[in-house]
Amino acid sequence: MTTSTPQRRARRHGFTLFEMVVVVAIFVLLAGGVYSVVNAAIRATAVLADENLQSQRRNAFVGLLRRTFHNLPSTARITGGIRTIDGKGAPEIVLRDSPGVFAWGHGTASAGTVMLSAVPRLGGGMQFSVLMLPSSLGEAELRDAVEKGKWLRLMPDLREARWRFYDETQQDWVEQWEEARGRPPLVELTFTELGEEVPRTYMFWIPPVKEYQPPAQPPEGAPPPPEPPPPTP
């Protein structure tokens, strides 16, 4: 009958190098799997948050334009087209004599010139921005103010944009609108965001301005209208 020494019993209950390598490999695989799942969840959450932020920014921008066009005062004059900024074409709408339009943070309503343009941005692409200017500027001063003015960013990260105006006389859409035509009944905005291929199109209604017409005068020599009968007691 043989007896085991304490040194042999200790060796029998220990872990071999191969077993330790297998345990470490299993732990690395589990840790890698957990990291992949967590990393994918974090990326998906970040993408979803960016999409929600972009959607909220887009809806706020479109809602602002809709309220602005719908509530234009009767004195507002509209022009639109393509303006060259930094050697690139910038679609824009210019609102003149429109008190209260984009007058954030001002104690009194603004009655100057408001320019809403898709200006080029650093790194490529463009962004919708608004610029408020005095109405007394000449053409040269206006060009200098457009190039050096402080634009307020409203909608960033755009790839392209376009304004169109509905001409009732031609029954068609035009991309250039002069002040002599009056006010267009409809304005269409189309833009494509960075990372997208399908453009988005929005249409805005502009309330018409009715010109004052004096009451019609009776023809010369016509009898005067009869007087109303006296009230009965």
C-alpha atoms as a PDB file:
ATOM      1  CA  MET A   1       0.000   0.000   0.000  1.00  0.00           C
ATOM      2  CA  THR A   2       1.408   3.315  -1.128  1.00  0.00           C
ATOM      3  CA  THR A   3       0.746   6.632   0.509  1.00  0.00           C
ATOM      4  CA  SER A   4       0.686  10.047  -1.270  1.00  0.00           C
ATOM      5  CA  THR A   5       3.019  12.676  -0.048  1.00  0.00           C
ATOM      6  CA  PRO A   6       1.656  16.201   0.673  1.00  0.00           C
ATOM      7  CA  GLN A   7       3.656  17.543  -2.298  1.00  0.00           C
ATOM      8  CA  ARG A   8       1.914  15.119  -4.695  1.00  0.00           C
ATOM      9  CA  ARG A   9      -1.551  15.960  -3.280  1.00  0.00           C
ATOM     10  CA  ALA A  10      -0.875  19.680  -3.794  1.00  0.00           C
ATOM     11  CA  ARG A  11       0.166  19.049  -7.396  1.00  0.00           C
ATOM     12  CA  ARG A  12      -2.995  16.970  -8.022  1.00  0.00           C
ATOM     13  CA  HIS A  13      -5.348  19.797  -6.837  1.00  0.00           C
ATOM     14  CA  GLY A  14      -3.602  22.664  -8.752  1.00  0.00           C
ATOM     15  CA  PHE A  15      -4.256  24.048 -12.324  1.00  0.00           C
ATOM     16  CA  THR A  16      -2.025  23.210 -15.229  1.00  0.00           C
ATOM     17  CA  LEU A  17      -0.681  25.837 -17.631  1.00  0.00           C
ATOM     18  CA  PHE A  18      -2.968  24.524 -20.368  1.00  0.00           C
ATOM     19  CA  GLU A  19      -6.045  24.939 -18.181  1.00  0.00           C
ATOM     20  CA  MET A  20      -5.060  28.530 -17.345  1.00  0.00           C
ATOM     21  CA  VAL A  21      -4.562  29.332 -21.035  1.00  0.00           C
ATOM     22  CA  VAL A  22      -8.025  27.934 -21.830  1.00  0.00           C
ATOM     23  CA  VAL A  23      -9.642  29.989 -19.036  1.00  0.00           C
ATOM     24  CA  VAL A  24      -7.912  33.172 -20.181  1.00  0.00           C
ATOM     25  CA  ALA A  25      -8.985  32.531 -23.800  1.00  0.00           C
ATOM     26  CA  ILE A  26     -12.604  32.005 -22.758  1.00  0.00           C
ATOM     27  CA  PHE A  27     -12.516  35.194 -20.684  1.00  0.00           C
ATOM     28  CA  VAL A  28     -11.088  37.171 -23.618  1.00  0.00           C
ATOM     29  CA  LEU A  29     -13.790  35.846 -25.942  1.00  0.00           C
ATOM     30  CA  LEU A  30     -16.549  36.716 -23.471  1.00  0.00           C
ATOM     31  CA  ALA A  31     -15.120  40.176 -22.857  1.00  0.00           C
ATOM     32  CA  GLY A  32     -14.831  40.787 -26.607  1.00  0.00           C
ATOM     33  CA  GLY A  33     -18.419  39.716 -27.157  1.00  0.00           C
ATOM     34  CA  VAL A  34     -19.707  41.941 -24.365  1.00  0.00           C
ATOM     35  CA  TYR A  35     -17.653  44.880 -25.688  1.00  0.00           C
ATOM     36  CA  SER A  36     -19.017  44.387 -29.210  1.00  0.00           C
ATOM     37  CA  VAL A  37     -22.609  44.329 -27.970  1.00  0.00           C
ATOM     38  CA  VAL A  38     -22.132  47.395 -25.763  1.00  0.00           C
ATOM     39  CA  ASN A  39     -20.267  49.300 -28.496  1.00  0.00           C
ATOM     40  CA  ALA A  40     -22.982  48.525 -31.061  1.00  0.00           C
ATOM     41  CA  ALA A  41     -25.665  49.685 -28.624  1.00  0.00           C
ATOM     42  CA  ILE A  42     -23.784  52.928 -27.940  1.00  0.00           C
ATOM     43  CA  ARG A  43     -23.325  53.601 -31.657  1.00  0.00           C
ATOM     44  CA  ALA A  44     -26.995  52.891 -32.386  1.00  0.00           C
ATOM     45  CA  THR A  45     -28.036  55.222 -29.564  1.00  0.00           C
ATOM     46  CA  ALA A  46     -25.748  57.983 -30.845  1.00  0.00           C
ATOM     47  CA  VAL A  47     -27.077  57.628 -34.406  1.00  0.00           C
ATOM     48  CA  LEU A  48     -30.673  57.694 -33.171  1.00  0.00           C
ATOM     49  CA  ALA A  49     -29.972  60.768 -31.047  1.00  0.00           C
ATOM     50  CA  ASP A  50     -28.400  62.554 -34.043  1.00  0.00           C
ATOM     51  CA  GLU A  51     -31.381  61.687 -36.238  1.00  0.00           C
ATOM     52  CA  ASN A  52     -33.819  62.941 -33.612  1.00  0.00           C
ATOM     53  CA  LEU A  53     -31.859  66.171 -33.213  1.00  0.00           C
ATOM     54  CA  GLN A  54     -31.760  66.704 -36.970  1.00  0.00           C
ATOM     55  CA  SER A  55     -35.487  66.001 -37.247  1.00  0.00           C
ATOM     56  CA  GLN A  56     -36.292  68.459 -34.460  1.00  0.00           C
ATOM     57  CA  ARG A  57     -34.064  71.116 -36.046  1.00  0.00           C
ATOM     58  CA  ARG A  58     -35.687  70.567 -39.449  1.00  0.00           C
ATOM     59  CA  ASN A  59     -39.244  70.726 -38.082  1.00  0.00           C
ATOM     60  CA  ALA A  60     -38.439  73.877 -36.106  1.00  0.00           C
ATOM     61  CA  PHE A  61     -36.923  75.531 -39.200  1.00  0.00           C
ATOM     62  CA  VAL A  62     -39.855  74.647 -41.457  1.00  0.00           C
ATOM     63  CA  GLY A  63     -42.346  75.732 -38.792  1.00  0.00           C
ATOM     64  CA  LEU A  64     -40.551  79.063 -38.423  1.00  0.00           C
ATOM     65  CA  LEU A  65     -40.721  79.671 -42.171  1.00  0.00           C
ATOM     66  CA  ARG A  66     -44.395  78.704 -42.297  1.00  0.00           C
ATOM     67  CA  ARG A  67     -45.306  81.137 -39.509  1.00  0.00           C
ATOM     68  CA  THR A  68     -43.151  83.874 -41.032  1.00  0.00           C
ATOM     69  CA  PHE A  69     -44.714  83.676 -44.486  1.00  0.00           C
ATOM     70  CA  HIS A  70     -48.233  83.244 -43.128  1.00  0.00           C
ATOM     71  CA  ASN A  71     -47.958  86.313 -40.861  1.00  0.00           C
ATOM     72  CA  LEU A  72     -46.217  88.673 -43.273  1.00  0.00           C
ATOM     73  CA  PRO A  73     -47.547  92.215 -42.882  1.00  0.00           C
ATOM     74  CA  SER A  74     -49.218  93.896 -45.797  1.00  0.00           C
ATOM     75  CA  THR A  75     -46.229  96.241 -46.213  1.00  0.00           C
ATOM     76  CA  ALA A  76     -43.763  93.387 -46.849  1.00  0.00           C
ATOM     77  CA  ARG A  77     -42.108  93.234 -50.252  1.00  0.00           C
ATOM     78  CA  ILE A  78     -40.540  90.009 -51.532  1.00  0.00           C
ATOM     79  CA  THR A  79     -37.685  89.322 -53.923  1.00  0.00           C
ATOM     80  CA  GLY A  80     -35.783  86.097 -54.467  1.00  0.00           C
ATOM     81  CA  GLY A  81     -33.249  84.327 -56.617  1.00  0.00           C
ATOM     82  CA  ILE A  82     -29.565  83.418 -56.587  1.00  0.00           C
ATOM     83  CA  ARG A  83     -26.946  85.682 -55.009  1.00  0.00           C
ATOM     84  CA  THR A  84     -23.195  85.101 -55.408  1.00  0.00           C
ATOM     85  CA  ILE A  85     -21.470  84.796 -52.011  1.00  0.00           C
ATOM     86  CA  ASP A  86     -17.766  83.929 -51.881  1.00  0.00           C
ATOM     87  CA  GLY A  87     -17.899  82.958 -55.547  1.00  0.00           C
ATOM     88  CA  LYS A  88     -20.751  80.482 -55.017  1.00  0.00           C
ATOM     89  CA  GLY A  89     -24.439  80.726 -55.744  1.00  0.00           C
ATOM     90  CA  ALA A  90     -26.630  81.172 -52.661  1.00  0.00           C
ATOM     91  CA  PRO A  91     -30.418  80.797 -53.034  1.00  0.00           C
ATOM     92  CA  GLU A  92     -32.101  83.518 -51.046  1.00  0.00           C
ATOM     93  CA  ILE A  93     -35.307  85.363 -50.228  1.00  0.00           C
ATOM     94  CA  VAL A  94     -35.250  89.046 -49.288  1.00  0.00           C
ATOM     95  CA  LEU A  95     -38.060  90.569 -47.221  1.00  0.00           C
ATOM     96  CA  ARG A  96     -38.269  94.349 -47.095  1.00  0.00           C
ATOM     97  CA  ASP A  97     -40.506  96.553 -44.934  1.00  0.00           C
ATOM     98  CA  SER A  98     -41.689  93.614 -42.839  1.00  0.00           C
ATOM     99  CA  PRO A  99     -41.900  94.691 -39.180  1.00  0.00           C
ATOM    100  CA  GLY A 100     -41.373  91.963 -36.626  1.00  0.00           C
ATOM    101  CA  VAL A 101     -39.889  89.328 -38.967  1.00  0.00           C
ATOM    102  CA  PHE A 102     -37.014  87.495 -37.251  1.00  0.00           C
ATOM    103  CA  ALA A 103     -36.812  90.294 -34.673  1.00  0.00           C
ATOM    104  CA  TRP A 104     -35.433  88.168 -31.832  1.00  0.00           C
ATOM    105  CA  GLY A 105     -34.154  89.996 -28.806  1.00  0.00           C
ATOM    106  CA  HIS A 106     -35.115  93.451 -30.057  1.00  0.00           C
ATOM    107  CA  GLY A 107     -37.178  95.809 -27.955  1.00  0.00           C
ATOM    108  CA  THR A 108     -38.912  97.232 -31.017  1.00  0.00           C
ATOM    109  CA  ALA A 109     -40.062  95.631 -34.227  1.00  0.00           C
ATOM    110  CA  SER A 110     -37.612  95.646 -37.095  1.00  0.00           C
ATOM    111  CA  ALA A 111     -38.693  97.330 -40.328  1.00  0.00           C
ATOM    112  CA  GLY A 112     -35.467  96.879 -42.269  1.00  0.00           C
ATOM    113  CA  THR A 113     -34.288  94.245 -44.735  1.00  0.00           C
ATOM    114  CA  VAL A 114     -34.233  90.557 -43.843  1.00  0.00           C
ATOM    115  CA  MET A 115     -32.232  88.141 -45.994  1.00  0.00           C
ATOM    116  CA  LEU A 116     -32.777  84.392 -45.714  1.00  0.00           C
ATOM    117  CA  SER A 117     -30.039  82.632 -47.680  1.00  0.00           C
ATOM    118  CA  ALA A 118     -28.435  79.218 -48.044  1.00  0.00           C
ATOM    119  CA  VAL A 119     -24.876  80.479 -47.619  1.00  0.00           C
ATOM    120  CA  PRO A 120     -21.748  78.312 -48.152  1.00  0.00           C
ATOM    121  CA  ARG A 121     -20.132  76.965 -44.990  1.00  0.00           C
ATOM    122  CA  LEU A 122     -16.623  75.919 -44.060  1.00  0.00           C
ATOM    123  CA  GLY A 123     -15.834  72.332 -45.008  1.00  0.00           C
ATOM    124  CA  GLY A 124     -18.295  72.242 -47.894  1.00  0.00           C
ATOM    125  CA  GLY A 125     -22.033  72.268 -48.159  1.00  0.00           C
ATOM    126  CA  MET A 126     -24.264  75.152 -47.120  1.00  0.00           C
ATOM    127  CA  GLN A 127     -26.470  76.304 -44.287  1.00  0.00           C
ATOM    128  CA  PHE A 128     -29.609  78.423 -44.095  1.00  0.00           C
ATOM    129  CA  SER A 129     -28.871  81.652 -42.258  1.00  0.00           C
ATOM    130  CA  VAL A 130     -30.664  84.956 -41.728  1.00  0.00           C
ATOM    131  CA  LEU A 131     -29.186  88.447 -41.887  1.00  0.00           C
ATOM    132  CA  MET A 132     -30.959  91.610 -40.739  1.00  0.00           C
ATOM    133  CA  LEU A 133     -29.908  94.898 -42.334  1.00  0.00           C
ATOM    134  CA  PRO A 134     -31.139  98.500 -42.337  1.00  0.00           C
ATOM    135  CA  SER A 135     -33.456  99.379 -45.191  1.00  0.00           C
ATOM    136  CA  SER A 136     -31.473 102.523 -46.047  1.00  0.00           C
ATOM    137  CA  LEU A 137     -28.434 100.697 -47.481  1.00  0.00           C
ATOM    138  CA  GLY A 138     -27.443 101.287 -51.073  1.00  0.00           C
ATOM    139  CA  GLU A 139     -26.488  98.517 -53.479  1.00  0.00           C
ATOM    140  CA  ALA A 140     -22.746  98.756 -52.769  1.00  0.00           C
ATOM    141  CA  GLU A 141     -23.320  98.936 -49.015  1.00  0.00           C
ATOM    142  CA  LEU A 142     -25.682  95.991 -49.247  1.00  0.00           C
ATOM    143  CA  ARG A 143     -23.078  93.840 -51.017  1.00  0.00           C
ATOM    144  CA  ASP A 144     -20.469  94.728 -48.405  1.00  0.00           C
ATOM    145  CA  ALA A 145     -22.898  93.979 -45.567  1.00  0.00           C
ATOM    146  CA  VAL A 146     -23.797  90.607 -47.077  1.00  0.00           C
ATOM    147  CA  GLU A 147     -20.139  89.574 -47.257  1.00  0.00           C
ATOM    148  CA  LYS A 148     -19.132  90.884 -43.823  1.00  0.00           C
ATOM    149  CA  GLY A 149     -22.413  90.741 -41.908  1.00  0.00           C
ATOM    150  CA  LYS A 150     -23.164  88.483 -38.944  1.00  0.00           C
ATOM    151  CA  TRP A 151     -25.355  85.702 -40.262  1.00  0.00           C
ATOM    152  CA  LEU A 152     -27.513  83.833 -37.768  1.00  0.00           C
ATOM    153  CA  ARG A 153     -27.477  80.102 -38.525  1.00  0.00           C
ATOM    154  CA  LEU A 154     -30.888  78.422 -38.671  1.00  0.00           C
ATOM    155  CA  MET A 155     -30.407  75.128 -40.554  1.00  0.00           C
ATOM    156  CA  PRO A 156     -26.895  73.650 -40.971  1.00  0.00           C
ATOM    157  CA  ASP A 157     -25.522  70.621 -42.810  1.00  0.00           C
ATOM    158  CA  LEU A 158     -27.158  71.028 -46.222  1.00  0.00           C
ATOM    159  CA  ARG A 159     -25.838  69.711 -49.502  1.00  0.00           C
ATOM    160  CA  GLU A 160     -27.994  71.838 -51.810  1.00  0.00           C
ATOM    161  CA  ALA A 161     -31.041  74.096 -51.647  1.00  0.00           C
ATOM    162  CA  ARG A 162     -33.425  75.901 -53.997  1.00  0.00           C
ATOM    163  CA  TRP A 163     -36.249  78.448 -53.771  1.00  0.00           C
ATOM    164  CA  ARG A 164     -39.075  78.611 -56.299  1.00  0.00           C
ATOM    165  CA  PHE A 165     -41.992  81.025 -56.655  1.00  0.00           C
ATOM    166  CA  TYR A 166     -45.370  80.402 -58.246  1.00  0.00           C
ATOM    167  CA  ASP A 167     -46.274  82.907 -60.954  1.00  0.00           C
ATOM    168  CA  GLU A 168     -50.048  83.104 -61.440  1.00  0.00           C
ATOM    169  CA  THR A 169     -49.737  84.875 -64.794  1.00  0.00           C
ATOM    170  CA  GLN A 170     -47.597  82.084 -66.257  1.00  0.00           C
ATOM    171  CA  GLN A 171     -49.248  79.314 -64.221  1.00  0.00           C
ATOM    172  CA  ASP A 172     -45.779  77.948 -63.534  1.00  0.00           C
ATOM    173  CA  TRP A 173     -42.910  77.988 -61.025  1.00  0.00           C
ATOM    174  CA  VAL A 174     -40.002  80.408 -61.487  1.00  0.00           C
ATOM    175  CA  GLU A 175     -36.652  80.594 -59.686  1.00  0.00           C
ATOM    176  CA  GLN A 176     -36.302  84.375 -59.867  1.00  0.00           C
ATOM    177  CA  TRP A 177     -38.815  86.790 -58.363  1.00  0.00           C
ATOM    178  CA  GLU A 178     -38.722  90.556 -58.819  1.00  0.00           C
ATOM    179  CA  GLU A 179     -40.429  93.054 -56.573  1.00  0.00           C
ATOM    180  CA  ALA A 180     -42.455  94.457 -59.483  1.00  0.00           C
ATOM    181  CA  ARG A 181     -44.449  91.217 -59.640  1.00  0.00           C
ATOM    182  CA  GLY A 182     -45.944  91.844 -56.227  1.00  0.00           C
ATOM    183  CA  ARG A 183     -46.214  88.951 -53.818  1.00  0.00           C
ATOM    184  CA  PRO A 184     -46.221  85.324 -54.967  1.00  0.00           C
ATOM    185  CA  PRO A 185     -49.109  83.222 -53.647  1.00  0.00           C
ATOM    186  CA  LEU A 186     -46.869  80.214 -53.028  1.00  0.00           C
ATOM    187  CA  VAL A 187     -43.194  79.713 -52.219  1.00  0.00           C
ATOM    188  CA  GLU A 188     -41.476  76.339 -52.542  1.00  0.00           C
ATOM    189  CA  LEU A 189     -38.303  75.306 -50.722  1.00  0.00           C
ATOM    190  CA  THR A 190     -36.318  72.204 -51.688  1.00  0.00           C
ATOM    191  CA  PHE A 191     -33.157  71.139 -49.885  1.00  0.00           C
ATOM    192  CA  THR A 192     -31.040  68.018 -49.438  1.00  0.00           C
ATOM    193  CA  GLU A 193     -29.264  67.389 -46.159  1.00  0.00           C
ATOM    194  CA  LEU A 194     -25.723  66.067 -45.931  1.00  0.00           C
ATOM    195  CA  GLY A 195     -25.685  62.279 -45.988  1.00  0.00           C
ATOM    196  CA  GLU A 196     -29.016  62.086 -47.848  1.00  0.00           C
ATOM    197  CA  GLU A 197     -29.777  61.595 -51.508  1.00  0.00           C
ATOM    198  CA  VAL A 198     -33.519  62.289 -51.616  1.00  0.00           C
ATOM    199  CA  PRO A 199     -34.402  66.029 -51.469  1.00  0.00           C
ATOM    200  CA  ARG A 200     -37.131  67.361 -49.205  1.00  0.00           C
ATOM    201  CA  THR A 201     -39.703  69.806 -50.583  1.00  0.00           C
ATOM    202  CA  TYR A 202     -41.908  72.186 -48.582  1.00  0.00           C
ATOM    203  CA  MET A 203     -44.528  74.640 -49.814  1.00  0.00           C
ATOM    204  CA  PHE A 204     -45.553  77.833 -48.043  1.00  0.00           C
ATOM    205  CA  TRP A 205     -48.636  79.972 -48.591  1.00  0.00           C
ATOM    206  CA  ILE A 206     -48.339  83.755 -48.558  1.00  0.00           C
ATOM    207  CA  PRO A 207     -51.523  85.735 -47.849  1.00  0.00           C
ATOM    208  CA  PRO A 208     -52.391  88.117 -50.696  1.00  0.00           C
ATOM    209  CA  VAL A 209     -52.553  91.875 -50.262  1.00  0.00           C
ATOM    210  CA  LYS A 210     -55.811  93.455 -51.403  1.00  0.00           C
ATOM    211  CA  GLU A 211     -55.458  96.909 -52.814  1.00  0.00           C
ATOM    212  CA  TYR A 212     -57.832  99.542 -51.473  1.00  0.00           C
ATOM    213  CA  GLN A 213     -60.595 100.456 -53.903  1.00  0.00           C
ATOM    214  CA  PRO A 214     -62.766 103.496 -53.186  1.00  0.00           C
ATOM    215  CA  PRO A 215     -66.520 102.957 -53.279  1.00  0.00           C
ATOM    216  CA  ALA A 216     -68.109 103.343 -56.698  1.00  0.00           C
ATOM    217  CA  GLN A 217     -69.624 106.755 -57.383  1.00  0.00           C
ATOM    218  CA  PRO A 218     -73.060 106.975 -59.067  1.00  0.00           C
ATOM    219  CA  PRO A 219     -72.974 108.196 -62.673  1.00  0.00           C
ATOM    220  CA  GLU A 220     -73.448 111.911 -63.278  1.00  0.00           C
ATOM    221  CA  GLY A 221     -77.099 112.938 -63.526  1.00  0.00           C
ATOM    222  CA  ALA A 222     -78.416 109.835 -61.792  1.00  0.00           C
ATOM    223  CA  PRO A 223     -81.117 110.444 -59.152  1.00  0.00           C
ATOM    224  CA  PRO A 224     -79.947 110.269 -55.559  1.00  0.00           C
ATOM    225  CA  PRO A 225     -80.682 107.084 -53.680  1.00  0.00           C
ATOM    226  CA  PRO A 226     -84.000 107.119 -51.787  1.00  0.00           C
ATOM    227  CA  GLU A 227     -83.874 108.032 -48.152  1.00  0.00           C
ATOM    228  CA  PRO A 228     -84.731 105.282 -45.676  1.00  0.00           C
ATOM    229  CA  PRO A 229     -88.276 105.483 -44.242  1.00  0.00           C
ATOM    230  CA  PRO A 230     -88.646 106.969 -40.766  1.00  0.00           C
ATOM    231  CA  PRO A 231     -88.854 104.487 -37.941  1.00  0.00           C
ATOM    232  CA  THR A 232     -92.384 103.490 -36.954  1.00  0.00           C
ATOM    233  CA  PRO A 233     -93.410 104.182 -33.364  1.00  0.00           C
END
